[in-house]
Protein backbone atom coordinates (compact mmCIF):
# COMPACT_ATOMS: atom_id res chain seq x y z
CA ALA A 1 35.49 -1.36 102.94
CA ILE A 2 39.26 -1.89 101.94
CA PHE A 3 40.57 0.32 104.65
CA PRO A 4 38.78 -1.38 107.76
CA ALA A 5 39.76 -4.73 106.19
CA ASP A 6 43.23 -3.83 106.11
CA ASN A 7 43.53 -1.55 109.08
CA PRO A 8 41.36 -3.27 111.84
CA GLY A 9 40.65 -1.20 114.83
CA ILE A 10 41.60 1.81 113.24
CA VAL A 11 39.15 4.54 112.97
CA PRO A 12 39.88 7.20 110.39
CA THR A 13 40.52 10.81 111.97
CA SER A 14 39.25 13.93 110.35
CA LEU A 15 41.25 17.06 110.82
CA SER A 16 40.17 20.74 110.44
CA ASP A 17 42.15 23.83 111.25
CA THR A 18 42.51 27.45 109.56
CA THR A 19 45.53 29.70 109.72
CA VAL A 20 46.75 32.97 108.23
CA SER A 21 50.33 32.83 106.53
CA PRO A 22 51.66 36.38 105.92
CA ARG A 23 54.66 36.93 103.64
CA LEU A 24 56.82 40.10 103.44
CA GLY A 25 59.89 40.68 101.22
CA VAL A 26 62.13 43.56 100.54
CA VAL A 27 64.85 44.16 98.06
CA TRP A 28 67.73 46.90 98.12
CA ARG A 29 69.36 47.63 94.78
CA ALA A 30 72.90 48.61 96.15
CA SER A 31 73.85 48.92 92.39
CA GLU A 32 73.06 47.68 88.73
CA GLN A 33 74.89 44.56 89.67
CA LEU A 34 74.16 44.15 93.10
CA SER A 35 70.97 43.63 95.25
CA ALA A 36 70.27 42.58 98.70
CA PHE A 37 66.86 40.87 99.85
CA ALA A 38 65.30 39.93 102.98
CA SER A 39 61.97 38.08 103.59
CA TYR A 40 59.80 36.72 106.50
CA SER A 41 57.01 34.16 105.81
CA ALA A 42 54.55 32.47 108.12
CA GLY A 43 54.20 28.52 107.09
CA PHE A 44 51.39 25.94 107.28
CA ARG A 45 51.64 22.45 106.79
CA ALA A 46 48.66 19.85 107.42
CA PRO A 47 49.41 16.49 108.71
CA PRO A 48 49.57 14.02 105.56
CA PHE A 49 46.77 11.75 105.45
CA GLY A 50 48.87 8.69 105.32
CA ASP A 51 50.70 9.74 108.58
CA VAL A 52 47.49 10.15 110.40
CA ASN A 53 45.33 7.04 109.35
CA VAL A 54 47.19 4.51 107.31
CA GLY A 55 49.30 1.77 109.08
CA LEU A 56 51.39 -0.97 107.42
CA THR A 57 53.29 -4.30 108.30
CA ASN A 58 55.64 -5.64 105.97
CA ALA A 59 56.37 -9.32 107.44
CA ILE A 60 59.29 -9.78 104.94
CA ALA A 61 61.19 -6.69 105.90
CA ARG A 62 59.92 -7.18 109.49
CA TYR A 63 58.66 -3.57 110.02
CA THR A 64 55.36 -1.91 111.04
CA THR A 65 54.29 1.88 110.32
CA LEU A 66 51.83 3.01 112.81
CA PRO A 67 48.99 5.64 112.40
CA ASN A 68 49.24 8.63 114.55
CA ALA A 69 45.57 10.22 115.26
CA ASP A 70 46.98 12.97 117.41
CA LEU A 71 49.28 14.75 114.96
CA GLU A 72 48.70 18.25 114.87
CA PRO A 73 49.16 20.92 112.08
CA GLU A 74 52.95 22.36 111.66
CA THR A 75 53.41 26.18 111.75
CA SER A 76 56.63 27.90 111.05
CA ASP A 77 58.19 31.34 111.11
CA ASN A 78 60.74 31.50 108.14
CA LEU A 79 63.75 34.18 107.58
CA GLU A 80 65.84 34.52 104.48
CA VAL A 81 68.30 37.26 103.73
CA GLY A 82 70.77 36.98 100.68
CA LEU A 83 72.50 38.95 97.97
CA ARG A 84 71.92 38.64 94.20
CA TRP A 85 74.74 39.67 91.52
CA THR A 86 74.38 40.02 87.83
CA ARG A 87 76.95 41.13 85.30
CA GLY A 88 76.73 40.53 81.85
CA THR A 89 76.00 36.76 81.23
CA ALA A 90 77.12 35.85 84.96
CA PHE A 91 74.75 35.34 87.79
CA ALA A 92 75.19 34.44 91.45
CA SER A 93 73.42 34.44 94.40
CA LEU A 94 73.91 33.77 98.24
CA SER A 95 71.10 33.27 100.73
CA VAL A 96 70.74 32.17 104.29
CA TYR A 97 67.99 31.09 106.34
CA SER A 98 66.59 30.23 109.64
CA ASN A 99 63.17 28.38 110.02
CA ARG A 100 61.60 27.74 113.44
CA PHE A 101 58.68 25.23 113.64
CA ASP A 102 56.04 24.46 116.22
CA ASP A 103 54.52 20.96 116.03
CA PHE A 104 57.35 20.17 113.55
CA ILE A 105 55.88 16.95 111.51
CA GLU A 106 58.68 14.31 111.31
CA SER A 107 57.22 11.57 108.91
CA ARG A 108 57.78 7.85 109.61
CA VAL A 109 60.33 8.05 112.44
CA LEU A 110 62.02 5.04 113.85
CA ILE A 111 60.45 4.92 117.41
CA GLY A 112 61.79 1.22 118.41
CA ARG A 113 61.01 -2.42 118.06
CA ASP A 114 57.90 -4.36 118.90
CA PRO A 115 58.66 -6.40 122.03
CA GLN A 116 56.85 -9.35 120.67
CA SER A 117 57.85 -9.77 116.99
CA GLY A 118 60.99 -7.78 117.13
CA ASP A 119 59.84 -5.95 114.23
CA LEU A 120 60.87 -2.04 113.54
CA LEU A 121 58.44 0.34 114.35
CA PHE A 122 57.89 3.55 112.33
CA GLN A 123 55.33 6.47 113.36
CA SER A 124 55.07 9.98 112.36
CA ARG A 125 55.41 12.51 115.15
CA ASN A 126 55.04 16.31 116.12
CA ILE A 127 58.15 17.76 117.71
CA GLU A 128 56.92 20.42 119.78
CA SER A 129 59.73 22.84 118.79
CA ALA A 130 62.68 22.54 116.10
CA ARG A 131 64.73 24.48 113.91
CA ILE A 132 66.32 24.41 110.36
CA TYR A 133 69.04 26.63 109.17
CA GLY A 134 71.33 26.89 106.25
CA ALA A 135 72.85 28.24 103.28
CA ASP A 136 72.36 28.21 99.43
CA LEU A 137 74.99 29.28 96.75
CA ARG A 138 74.66 29.56 93.14
CA TYR A 139 76.54 30.70 90.33
CA THR A 140 75.73 30.63 86.36
CA GLN A 141 78.17 31.77 83.47
CA ASP A 142 77.78 32.08 79.80
CA LEU A 143 81.31 30.91 78.93
CA SER A 144 81.27 32.66 75.59
CA ALA A 145 82.06 35.93 77.43
CA TRP A 146 85.45 34.68 78.23
CA GLY A 147 86.36 34.08 74.57
CA ALA A 148 85.02 33.11 70.92
CA ALA A 149 86.28 29.59 71.09
CA LEU A 150 83.72 28.81 74.01
CA GLN A 151 80.75 29.87 71.92
CA GLY A 152 77.67 27.72 73.29
CA TRP A 153 79.26 26.86 76.43
CA SER A 154 77.93 27.60 79.96
CA LEU A 155 78.76 26.67 83.77
CA ASP A 156 76.52 26.12 86.59
CA LEU A 157 77.60 25.89 89.94
CA ALA A 158 75.44 24.98 93.17
CA ALA A 159 75.97 24.18 96.71
CA TYR A 160 73.87 24.00 100.01
CA TRP A 161 74.26 23.35 103.55
CA ALA A 162 71.54 22.95 105.98
CA GLU A 163 71.36 21.70 109.77
CA GLY A 164 68.26 20.77 111.71
CA GLU A 165 67.60 20.52 115.72
CA ASN A 166 65.03 19.17 117.99
CA ARG A 167 64.84 22.13 120.45
CA VAL A 168 63.20 20.19 122.96
CA SER A 169 65.68 17.23 123.14
CA GLY A 170 68.80 19.14 121.47
CA ALA A 171 69.22 15.95 119.03
CA PRO A 172 69.50 16.45 115.35
CA LEU A 173 66.60 16.21 112.61
CA ASN A 174 67.28 12.89 110.72
CA SER A 175 65.10 14.49 107.87
CA ILE A 176 68.18 16.74 106.76
CA ALA A 177 70.23 15.71 104.02
CA PRO A 178 74.02 16.39 104.33
CA PRO A 179 75.78 19.06 102.38
CA GLN A 180 75.94 18.88 98.63
CA ALA A 181 77.89 20.88 95.70
CA VAL A 182 77.21 20.24 92.03
CA ALA A 183 78.93 21.61 89.06
CA GLY A 184 77.70 21.29 85.50
CA ILE A 185 79.04 22.33 82.04
CA THR A 186 76.86 22.09 78.96
CA TRP A 187 77.48 23.09 75.26
CA THR A 188 74.59 23.86 72.72
CA SER A 189 75.15 24.18 69.15
CA ALA A 190 74.35 27.46 67.27
CA ASP A 191 71.26 26.12 65.57
CA ALA A 192 70.34 24.19 68.99
CA ALA A 193 70.14 21.03 67.31
CA TRP A 194 72.98 19.45 69.29
CA ASP A 195 73.71 19.43 73.03
CA ALA A 196 75.97 17.95 75.48
CA GLY A 197 76.90 18.09 79.03
CA ALA A 198 78.80 16.82 82.04
CA THR A 199 77.56 17.03 85.61
CA LEU A 200 79.65 16.40 88.88
CA THR A 201 78.18 15.91 92.21
CA HIS A 202 79.71 15.66 95.33
CA THR A 203 77.67 14.99 98.73
CA ALA A 204 79.27 15.12 102.29
CA ALA A 205 79.06 12.04 104.71
CA LYS A 206 76.37 12.00 106.97
CA SER A 207 78.15 12.02 110.29
CA ALA A 208 77.23 9.93 113.25
CA GLY A 209 77.23 13.11 115.32
CA ASP A 210 74.49 14.54 113.36
CA ILE A 211 72.14 11.65 113.49
CA ASP A 212 69.42 11.01 116.13
CA MET A 213 70.25 7.56 117.34
CA SER A 214 67.98 7.78 120.53
CA ALA A 215 65.94 4.92 119.16
CA GLU A 216 68.55 2.67 117.61
CA PRO A 217 71.82 3.03 115.91
CA ARG A 218 71.37 4.30 112.46
CA PHE A 219 73.61 3.65 109.29
CA ALA A 220 75.64 6.76 108.49
CA THR A 221 75.76 7.43 104.73
CA PRO A 222 79.58 7.61 103.37
CA GLY A 223 80.34 10.71 101.17
CA TRP A 224 80.12 10.05 97.36
CA THR A 225 80.90 11.74 94.04
CA THR A 226 79.36 10.95 90.83
CA LEU A 227 79.83 12.00 87.24
CA ASP A 228 77.22 12.05 84.53
CA LEU A 229 77.37 12.51 80.83
CA ALA A 230 74.44 13.46 78.69
CA ALA A 231 73.90 14.65 74.70
CA GLY A 232 70.96 15.23 72.61
CA TRP A 233 70.31 15.77 69.12
CA ARG A 234 67.18 17.40 67.48
CA PRO A 235 66.99 16.50 63.99
CA LEU A 236 63.35 18.17 63.55
CA ASP A 237 61.40 20.43 65.52
CA ARG A 238 59.25 17.59 67.04
CA LEU A 239 61.87 14.80 67.51
CA GLU A 240 64.60 14.79 70.07
CA LEU A 241 67.22 11.78 70.69
CA ARG A 242 68.97 11.77 73.74
CA ALA A 243 71.74 9.60 75.27
CA GLY A 244 73.17 9.54 78.87
CA LEU A 245 76.03 7.82 80.96
CA PHE A 246 75.30 8.14 84.72
CA ASN A 247 77.50 7.29 87.70
CA LEU A 248 80.54 6.99 85.13
CA THR A 249 82.96 5.72 87.99
CA ASP A 250 80.54 3.01 88.90
CA GLU A 251 80.60 4.35 92.84
CA THR A 252 78.34 2.64 95.43
CA TYR A 253 76.67 5.25 97.38
CA TRP A 254 73.49 6.03 99.37
CA ARG A 255 71.44 9.15 99.46
CA TRP A 256 70.66 9.70 102.97
CA LEU A 257 66.97 10.17 102.86
CA ASP A 258 66.61 6.82 101.42
CA VAL A 259 67.94 5.35 104.37
CA ALA A 260 67.41 7.82 107.15
CA ASN A 261 65.04 5.74 109.21
CA LEU A 262 66.69 2.39 108.80
CA ALA A 263 68.64 0.78 111.69
CA ALA A 264 72.35 0.46 110.93
CA ASN A 265 71.85 -3.52 110.52
CA ASP A 266 68.93 -3.14 108.39
CA PRO A 267 69.03 -6.03 105.57
CA MET A 268 67.33 -3.38 103.37
CA ILE A 269 70.37 -1.08 103.10
CA PRO A 270 72.18 -2.94 100.47
CA LEU A 271 69.09 -2.92 98.36
CA LEU A 272 68.80 0.94 98.62
CA SER A 273 72.11 1.97 97.19
CA ARG A 274 71.86 4.02 93.98
CA PRO A 275 72.47 2.67 90.68
CA GLY A 276 75.98 1.73 89.52
CA ARG A 277 77.16 2.78 86.03
CA SER A 278 74.25 3.15 83.94
CA TYR A 279 72.73 4.11 80.29
CA SER A 280 70.19 5.42 79.02
CA LEU A 281 68.57 6.06 75.52
CA SER A 282 65.55 7.74 74.52
CA VAL A 283 63.42 9.12 71.63
CA ASN A 284 60.95 12.09 72.57
CA ILE A 285 58.41 12.93 69.72
CA THR A 286 56.06 15.88 70.32
CA PHE A 287 52.48 15.72 68.59
């Protein structure tokens, strides 16, 4: 009874579909350290229930989310190739991928403004044909292999880049986050009672040319870099104390996917910035 009361005139839509999703992967071991891999998979994604049937109006923020009873399931053909390298205490991988979609589901897209109220209108939609492609790079190293003084230290590096395109209109997909690189270094004591680490994260700016602004100008997030510190102590097997210092430089920044569907002048944007310098203390007890 709650649904029709909150959504007058909307009749919930049922959806039923079937598919076969094959997957094939091959690995070629060029040597003991190096291997190459390739894979193909067929994907299937049913429309989320909320995108199909649920509407919402926020009078304070002045936006309305409309249901879309005509959403179709999303299917995809996904290709990935890459290299993996292992040598002693080091591991590295590089992969590139290309995914082609039919009826790509883009959730809660900004489609314009209500001509009477002026409220922003959002609705999930199918894109007839879309493509997402990119690359992923990872490297881990046990630093003790570089010298006895580095016993207990390890290094982790990762980076990704992705692009998305509406193959019908040629416009970018706004659901793609900008490139990001992460570097982390951690130390663990010989008895595993203590650990400490630092994580440096850099995210590129979301350029205006990489945003679909056909409905309305959007807020292009600037690039940002944060440094997080964390430490832990396990005095007992079932007790752990942890402390963290996050965004050490107190940078004001936004994650693109938090604001991707908002207009450039949306009053919610300042409220959606990520936390500045913050601290945490926690005690974990395992029973």
